[in-house]
C-alpha atoms as a PDB file:
ATOM      1  CA  MET A   1     -19.578 -26.854  -8.341  1.00  0.00           C
ATOM      2  CA  THR A   2     -17.856 -24.068  -6.388  1.00  0.00           C
ATOM      3  CA  GLN A   3     -18.116 -20.620  -7.926  1.00  0.00           C
ATOM      4  CA  PRO A   4     -14.763 -19.248  -9.170  1.00  0.00           C
ATOM      5  CA  ILE A   5     -13.131 -16.374  -7.301  1.00  0.00           C
ATOM      6  CA  ARG A   6     -13.994 -13.137  -9.117  1.00  0.00           C
ATOM      7  CA  ILE A   7     -10.924 -10.949  -9.701  1.00  0.00           C
ATOM      8  CA  LEU A   8     -10.528  -7.316 -10.725  1.00  0.00           C
ATOM      9  CA  LEU A   9      -7.050  -6.371 -11.981  1.00  0.00           C
ATOM     10  CA  CYS A  10      -5.740  -2.863 -11.292  1.00  0.00           C
ATOM     11  CA  ASP A  11      -2.381  -2.048 -12.892  1.00  0.00           C
ATOM     12  CA  ASP A  12      -1.447   0.884 -15.123  1.00  0.00           C
ATOM     13  CA  HIS A  13       0.722  -1.288 -17.407  1.00  0.00           C
ATOM     14  CA  VAL A  14      -1.287  -2.955 -20.178  1.00  0.00           C
ATOM     15  CA  VAL A  15       1.394  -5.612 -20.718  1.00  0.00           C
ATOM     16  CA  VAL A  16       1.359  -6.565 -17.035  1.00  0.00           C
ATOM     17  CA  ARG A  17      -2.427  -6.853 -17.053  1.00  0.00           C
ATOM     18  CA  ALA A  18      -2.291  -9.004 -20.187  1.00  0.00           C
ATOM     19  CA  GLY A  19       0.251 -11.311 -18.553  1.00  0.00           C
ATOM     20  CA  LEU A  20      -1.814 -11.629 -15.386  1.00  0.00           C
ATOM     21  CA  LEU A  21      -4.962 -12.245 -17.396  1.00  0.00           C
ATOM     22  CA  ALA A  22      -3.299 -15.073 -19.331  1.00  0.00           C
ATOM     23  CA  LEU A  23      -1.901 -16.570 -16.120  1.00  0.00           C
ATOM     24  CA  LEU A  24      -5.156 -16.403 -14.161  1.00  0.00           C
ATOM     25  CA  ASP A  25      -7.156 -17.738 -17.098  1.00  0.00           C
ATOM     26  CA  SER A  26      -5.086 -20.913 -16.831  1.00  0.00           C
ATOM     27  CA  THR A  27      -6.824 -21.920 -13.599  1.00  0.00           C
ATOM     28  CA  ALA A  28     -10.495 -22.899 -13.499  1.00  0.00           C
ATOM     29  CA  ASP A  29     -11.291 -21.581 -10.005  1.00  0.00           C
ATOM     30  CA  ILE A  30     -10.282 -17.961 -10.683  1.00  0.00           C
ATOM     31  CA  GLU A  31     -12.152 -15.647 -13.061  1.00  0.00           C
ATOM     32  CA  VAL A  32     -10.970 -12.163 -14.101  1.00  0.00           C
ATOM     33  CA  VAL A  33     -14.136 -10.072 -14.372  1.00  0.00           C
ATOM     34  CA  GLY A  34     -12.526  -6.710 -15.143  1.00  0.00           C
ATOM     35  CA  GLU A  35      -9.378  -4.671 -15.712  1.00  0.00           C
ATOM     36  CA  ALA A  36      -8.550  -1.138 -14.547  1.00  0.00           C
ATOM     37  CA  GLY A  37      -5.607   1.080 -15.428  1.00  0.00           C
ATOM     38  CA  THR A  38      -6.266   3.730 -12.762  1.00  0.00           C
ATOM     39  CA  GLY A  39      -7.521   3.874  -9.207  1.00  0.00           C
ATOM     40  CA  GLU A  40     -10.602   5.765 -10.303  1.00  0.00           C
ATOM     41  CA  GLU A  41     -11.433   3.041 -12.839  1.00  0.00           C
ATOM     42  CA  ALA A  42     -10.942   0.351 -10.211  1.00  0.00           C
ATOM     43  CA  ILE A  43     -13.412   1.981  -7.823  1.00  0.00           C
ATOM     44  CA  ALA A  44     -16.019   2.404 -10.551  1.00  0.00           C
ATOM     45  CA  LEU A  45     -15.609  -1.176 -11.811  1.00  0.00           C
ATOM     46  CA  ALA A  46     -15.627  -2.660  -8.309  1.00  0.00           C
ATOM     47  CA  ALA A  47     -18.965  -0.974  -7.598  1.00  0.00           C
ATOM     48  CA  LYS A  48     -20.362  -2.384 -10.828  1.00  0.00           C
ATOM     49  CA  LEU A  49     -18.807  -5.865 -10.939  1.00  0.00           C
ATOM     50  CA  ARG A  50     -18.590  -6.745  -7.223  1.00  0.00           C
ATOM     51  CA  PRO A  51     -15.332  -8.756  -7.408  1.00  0.00           C
ATOM     52  CA  ASP A  52     -14.227 -10.948  -4.525  1.00  0.00           C
ATOM     53  CA  VAL A  53     -10.606  -9.788  -4.751  1.00  0.00           C
ATOM     54  CA  VAL A  54      -8.908  -6.776  -6.333  1.00  0.00           C
ATOM     55  CA  LEU A  55      -5.293  -7.349  -7.404  1.00  0.00           C
ATOM     56  CA  MET A  56      -3.816  -3.916  -6.769  1.00  0.00           C
ATOM     57  CA  ASP A  57      -0.570  -2.341  -7.928  1.00  0.00           C
ATOM     58  CA  LEU A  58       0.727   0.497  -5.735  1.00  0.00           C
ATOM     59  CA  GLN A  59       2.035   2.853  -8.418  1.00  0.00           C
ATOM     60  CA  LEU A  60      -0.699   3.819 -10.870  1.00  0.00           C
ATOM     61  CA  GLY A  61       0.783   6.800 -12.704  1.00  0.00           C
ATOM     62  CA  GLU A  62      -1.366   9.923 -12.686  1.00  0.00           C
ATOM     63  CA  GLY A  63      -4.253  10.251 -10.272  1.00  0.00           C
ATOM     64  CA  MET A  64      -5.009   8.130  -7.238  1.00  0.00           C
ATOM     65  CA  ASP A  65      -2.307   5.703  -6.108  1.00  0.00           C
ATOM     66  CA  GLY A  66      -2.870   2.095  -5.075  1.00  0.00           C
ATOM     67  CA  VAL A  67      -2.906   2.866  -1.355  1.00  0.00           C
ATOM     68  CA  GLU A  68      -5.662   5.481  -1.601  1.00  0.00           C
ATOM     69  CA  THR A  69      -7.601   3.242  -3.991  1.00  0.00           C
ATOM     70  CA  THR A  70      -7.315   0.394  -1.479  1.00  0.00           C
ATOM     71  CA  ARG A  71      -8.549   2.648   1.318  1.00  0.00           C
ATOM     72  CA  ARG A  72     -11.612   3.688  -0.672  1.00  0.00           C
ATOM     73  CA  LEU A  73     -12.406   0.168  -1.836  1.00  0.00           C
ATOM     74  CA  THR A  74     -12.251  -1.330   1.651  1.00  0.00           C
ATOM     75  CA  SER A  75     -14.145   1.491   3.350  1.00  0.00           C
ATOM     76  CA  GLY A  76     -16.974   1.697   0.814  1.00  0.00           C
ATOM     77  CA  PRO A  77     -20.471   0.277   1.131  1.00  0.00           C
ATOM     78  CA  ALA A  78     -20.702  -3.466   1.777  1.00  0.00           C
ATOM     79  CA  PRO A  79     -19.955  -5.883   0.358  1.00  0.00           C
ATOM     80  CA  THR A  80     -16.407  -4.610  -0.027  1.00  0.00           C
ATOM     81  CA  PRO A  81     -13.793  -6.599  -1.948  1.00  0.00           C
ATOM     82  CA  HIS A  82     -10.627  -7.927  -0.394  1.00  0.00           C
ATOM     83  CA  VAL A  83      -7.556  -6.156  -1.773  1.00  0.00           C
ATOM     84  CA  LEU A  84      -4.398  -8.116  -2.523  1.00  0.00           C
ATOM     85  CA  VAL A  85      -1.479  -5.807  -3.299  1.00  0.00           C
ATOM     86  CA  LEU A  86       0.694  -7.104  -6.135  1.00  0.00           C
ATOM     87  CA  THR A  87       3.705  -4.855  -6.610  1.00  0.00           C
ATOM     88  CA  THR A  88       7.463  -4.591  -7.079  1.00  0.00           C
ATOM     89  CA  TYR A  89       7.797  -2.243  -4.099  1.00  0.00           C
ATOM     90  CA  ASP A  90       8.651  -3.704  -0.691  1.00  0.00           C
ATOM     91  CA  THR A  91       9.824  -0.772   1.429  1.00  0.00           C
ATOM     92  CA  ASP A  92       8.669  -0.608   5.038  1.00  0.00           C
ATOM     93  CA  ALA A  93       6.663   2.531   4.277  1.00  0.00           C
ATOM     94  CA  ASP A  94       4.860   0.977   1.295  1.00  0.00           C
ATOM     95  CA  ILE A  95       3.956  -2.147   3.272  1.00  0.00           C
ATOM     96  CA  THR A  96       2.778  -0.117   6.259  1.00  0.00           C
ATOM     97  CA  ARG A  97       0.646   2.234   4.190  1.00  0.00           C
ATOM     98  CA  ALA A  98      -0.991  -0.581   2.228  1.00  0.00           C
ATOM     99  CA  ILE A  99      -1.871  -2.648   5.297  1.00  0.00           C
ATOM    100  CA  GLU A 100      -3.156   0.412   7.163  1.00  0.00           C
ATOM    101  CA  ALA A 101      -5.328   1.215   4.134  1.00  0.00           C
ATOM    102  CA  GLY A 102      -7.038  -2.159   4.514  1.00  0.00           C
ATOM    103  CA  ALA A 103      -5.131  -4.511   2.202  1.00  0.00           C
ATOM    104  CA  THR A 104      -5.718  -8.168   3.064  1.00  0.00           C
ATOM    105  CA  GLY A 105      -2.385  -9.233   1.575  1.00  0.00           C
ATOM    106  CA  TYR A 106       0.842  -7.950   0.075  1.00  0.00           C
ATOM    107  CA  LEU A 107       2.547  -9.934  -2.679  1.00  0.00           C
ATOM    108  CA  LEU A 108       5.602  -9.184  -4.803  1.00  0.00           C
ATOM    109  CA  LYS A 109       5.445  -9.585  -8.574  1.00  0.00           C
ATOM    110  CA  ALA A 110       8.510 -11.847  -8.481  1.00  0.00           C
ATOM    111  CA  GLU A 111       6.483 -14.606  -6.790  1.00  0.00           C
ATOM    112  CA  ARG A 112       5.848 -17.931  -8.539  1.00  0.00           C
ATOM    113  CA  PRO A 113       2.368 -18.461 -10.062  1.00  0.00           C
ATOM    114  CA  GLU A 114       1.490 -21.045  -7.401  1.00  0.00           C
ATOM    115  CA  GLU A 115       2.167 -18.460  -4.687  1.00  0.00           C
ATOM    116  CA  LEU A 116      -0.084 -15.953  -6.431  1.00  0.00           C
ATOM    117  CA  PHE A 117      -2.901 -18.491  -6.744  1.00  0.00           C
ATOM    118  CA  ALA A 118      -2.580 -19.441  -3.077  1.00  0.00           C
ATOM    119  CA  ALA A 119      -2.577 -15.764  -2.033  1.00  0.00           C
ATOM    120  CA  ILE A 120      -5.716 -15.084  -4.079  1.00  0.00           C
ATOM    121  CA  HIS A 121      -7.515 -17.981  -2.365  1.00  0.00           C
ATOM    122  CA  ALA A 122      -6.359 -16.746   1.042  1.00  0.00           C
ATOM    123  CA  ALA A 123      -7.448 -13.175   0.296  1.00  0.00           C
ATOM    124  CA  ALA A 124     -10.851 -14.330  -0.950  1.00  0.00           C
ATOM    125  CA  GLU A 125     -11.381 -15.971   2.457  1.00  0.00           C
ATOM    126  CA  GLY A 126     -10.221 -12.854   4.277  1.00  0.00           C
ATOM    127  CA  ARG A 127      -6.959 -14.442   5.395  1.00  0.00           C
ATOM    128  CA  THR A 128      -3.686 -12.509   5.367  1.00  0.00           C
ATOM    129  CA  ALA A 129      -1.342 -13.353   2.501  1.00  0.00           C
ATOM    130  CA  LEU A 130       2.211 -11.993   2.558  1.00  0.00           C
ATOM    131  CA  SER A 131       5.236 -12.713   0.395  1.00  0.00           C
ATOM    132  CA  ALA A 132       8.014 -14.271   2.484  1.00  0.00           C
ATOM    133  CA  PRO A 133      10.269 -11.165   2.209  1.00  0.00           C
ATOM    134  CA  VAL A 134       7.351  -8.942   3.207  1.00  0.00           C
ATOM    135  CA  ALA A 135       6.457 -11.143   6.176  1.00  0.00           C
ATOM    136  CA  SER A 136      10.091 -11.037   7.305  1.00  0.00           C
ATOM    137  CA  ARG A 137      10.119  -7.232   7.156  1.00  0.00           C
ATOM    138  CA  VAL A 138       6.855  -7.000   9.091  1.00  0.00           C
ATOM    139  CA  MET A 139       8.175  -9.282  11.818  1.00  0.00           C
ATOM    140  CA  ALA A 140      11.500  -7.451  11.972  1.00  0.00           C
ATOM    141  CA  ASN A 141       9.707  -4.119  12.346  1.00  0.00           C
ATOM    142  CA  MET A 142       7.550  -5.520  15.136  1.00  0.00           C
ATOM    143  CA  ARG A 143      10.634  -6.698  17.008  1.00  0.00           C
ATOM    144  CA  LYS A 144      12.836  -3.649  16.649  1.00  0.00           C
ATOM    145  CA  PRO A 145      12.526  -0.854  19.222  1.00  0.00           C
ATOM    146  CA  ARG A 146      10.760   2.331  18.259  1.00  0.00           C
ATOM    147  CA  PRO A 147      13.082   5.060  17.000  1.00  0.00           C
ATOM    148  CA  THR A 148      13.815   7.852  19.449  1.00  0.00           C
ATOM    149  CA  LEU A 149      13.046  11.278  17.999  1.00  0.00           C
ATOM    150  CA  THR A 150      14.060  14.588  19.489  1.00  0.00           C
ATOM    151  CA  ASP A 151      11.395  17.130  20.420  1.00  0.00           C
ATOM    152  CA  ARG A 152      12.332  19.202  17.369  1.00  0.00           C
ATOM    153  CA  GLU A 153      12.050  16.167  15.074  1.00  0.00           C
ATOM    154  CA  ARG A 154       8.603  15.435  16.498  1.00  0.00           C
ATOM    155  CA  ASP A 155       7.615  19.045  15.881  1.00  0.00           C
ATOM    156  CA  ILE A 156       8.708  18.773  12.252  1.00  0.00           C
ATOM    157  CA  LEU A 157       6.922  15.429  11.834  1.00  0.00           C
ATOM    158  CA  ALA A 158       3.726  16.992  13.155  1.00  0.00           C
ATOM    159  CA  GLN A 159       4.029  19.766  10.568  1.00  0.00           C
ATOM    160  CA  LEU A 160       4.651  17.158   7.840  1.00  0.00           C
ATOM    161  CA  ALA A 161       1.474  15.362   8.878  1.00  0.00           C
ATOM    162  CA  HIS A 162      -0.432  18.587   8.243  1.00  0.00           C
ATOM    163  CA  GLY A 163       0.968  18.735   4.707  1.00  0.00           C
ATOM    164  CA  LEU A 164       3.316  21.682   5.183  1.00  0.00           C
ATOM    165  CA  GLY A 165       6.309  22.208   2.906  1.00  0.00           C
ATOM    166  CA  ASN A 166       9.846  22.992   4.082  1.00  0.00           C
ATOM    167  CA  ARG A 167       9.400  26.754   3.825  1.00  0.00           C
ATOM    168  CA  GLU A 168       6.117  26.651   5.751  1.00  0.00           C
ATOM    169  CA  ILE A 169       7.631  24.430   8.443  1.00  0.00           C
ATOM    170  CA  ALA A 170      10.617  26.769   8.795  1.00  0.00           C
ATOM    171  CA  LYS A 171       8.288  29.729   9.201  1.00  0.00           C
ATOM    172  CA  ALA A 172       6.023  27.936  11.697  1.00  0.00           C
ATOM    173  CA  LEU A 173       8.934  26.791  13.888  1.00  0.00           C
ATOM    174  CA  PHE A 174      11.096  29.912  13.464  1.00  0.00           C
ATOM    175  CA  ILE A 175      14.040  28.025  11.984  1.00  0.00           C
ATOM    176  CA  SER A 176      15.797  28.074   8.603  1.00  0.00           C
ATOM    177  CA  GLU A 177      14.871  25.862   5.651  1.00  0.00           C
ATOM    178  CA  ALA A 178      18.372  24.381   5.817  1.00  0.00           C
ATOM    179  CA  THR A 179      17.712  23.314   9.416  1.00  0.00           C
ATOM    180  CA  VAL A 180      14.404  21.752   8.371  1.00  0.00           C
ATOM    181  CA  LYS A 181      16.195  19.757   5.645  1.00  0.00           C
ATOM    182  CA  THR A 182      18.829  18.562   8.105  1.00  0.00           C
ATOM    183  CA  HIS A 183      16.184  17.373  10.569  1.00  0.00           C
ATOM    184  CA  LEU A 184      14.222  15.693   7.763  1.00  0.00           C
ATOM    185  CA  GLY A 185      17.316  13.729   6.763  1.00  0.00           C
ATOM    186  CA  ARG A 186      17.718  12.495  10.341  1.00  0.00           C
ATOM    187  CA  ILE A 187      14.010  11.649  10.592  1.00  0.00           C
ATOM    188  CA  TYR A 188      14.150   9.624   7.355  1.00  0.00           C
ATOM    189  CA  ASP A 189      17.211   7.713   8.614  1.00  0.00           C
ATOM    190  CA  LYS A 190      15.610   6.909  11.954  1.00  0.00           C
ATOM    191  CA  LEU A 191      12.312   5.789  10.423  1.00  0.00           C
ATOM    192  CA  GLY A 192      13.883   3.889   7.529  1.00  0.00           C
ATOM    193  CA  VAL A 193      12.039   5.842   4.826  1.00  0.00           C
ATOM    194  CA  ASP A 194      12.949   8.160   1.978  1.00  0.00           C
ATOM    195  CA  THR A 195       9.772  10.177   1.413  1.00  0.00           C
ATOM    196  CA  ARG A 196       7.631  12.609   3.386  1.00  0.00           C
ATOM    197  CA  SER A 197       4.523  10.427   3.058  1.00  0.00           C
ATOM    198  CA  GLY A 198       6.545   7.410   4.190  1.00  0.00           C
ATOM    199  CA  ALA A 199       7.758   9.276   7.280  1.00  0.00           C
ATOM    200  CA  VAL A 200       4.223  10.278   8.224  1.00  0.00           C
ATOM    201  CA  ALA A 201       2.907   6.740   7.624  1.00  0.00           C
ATOM    202  CA  VAL A 202       5.571   5.102   9.810  1.00  0.00           C
ATOM    203  CA  ALA A 203       5.205   7.783  12.492  1.00  0.00           C
ATOM    204  CA  LYS A 204       1.463   7.144  12.670  1.00  0.00           C
ATOM    205  CA  GLU A 205       1.921   3.389  12.751  1.00  0.00           C
ATOM    206  CA  GLN A 206       4.411   3.645  15.607  1.00  0.00           C
ATOM    207  CA  ARG A 207       2.367   6.337  17.360  1.00  0.00           C
ATOM    208  CA  LEU A 208       5.156   8.890  17.207  1.00  0.00           C
ATOM    209  CA  LEU A 209       2.704  11.653  16.421  1.00  0.00           C
ATOM    210  CA  PRO A 210       0.377  13.257  18.973  1.00  0.00           C
END
């Protein structure tokens, strides 16, 4: 008899974990071996339990987020688990960051149970598993031309990548904070993001940074 796929759940909502546990317990070829409410817990449990797949939420409250947890899980000592993101967030920046961090798949919580089961099996085999809306966004991003940034916008992006705040960027580039904010707004629009980390992630993915 084939061994069941060993799953570690990582979600900061107890009710969500309970629902997933009940759902996954309904199928004989999937076994939940542990539950984590934080990224730190997930890393500790993964080292101890050696799951085949970690079902990973992106937003984990305080502490390490799902992307950083994914990065650490997939870059740790072998054997590393496959990480299947299961989230409500489907922005370009979230998808890009998760995949760059090493996620094998990216699934939305609105999917039907059959889709989740299929994605878990795919992830366990190291195959990519994407929700249809996520796959569409990935393909659309691959097809669309890279955004054109001005030299000043690239300068500001480079400062963002180094973790500088608006005041520090203004001082480094000899411009006002208001000017920095204006450029940031244009950068966000061009990259299709709404956060600093999202801008840096997309810029790295599209090689807009030196």
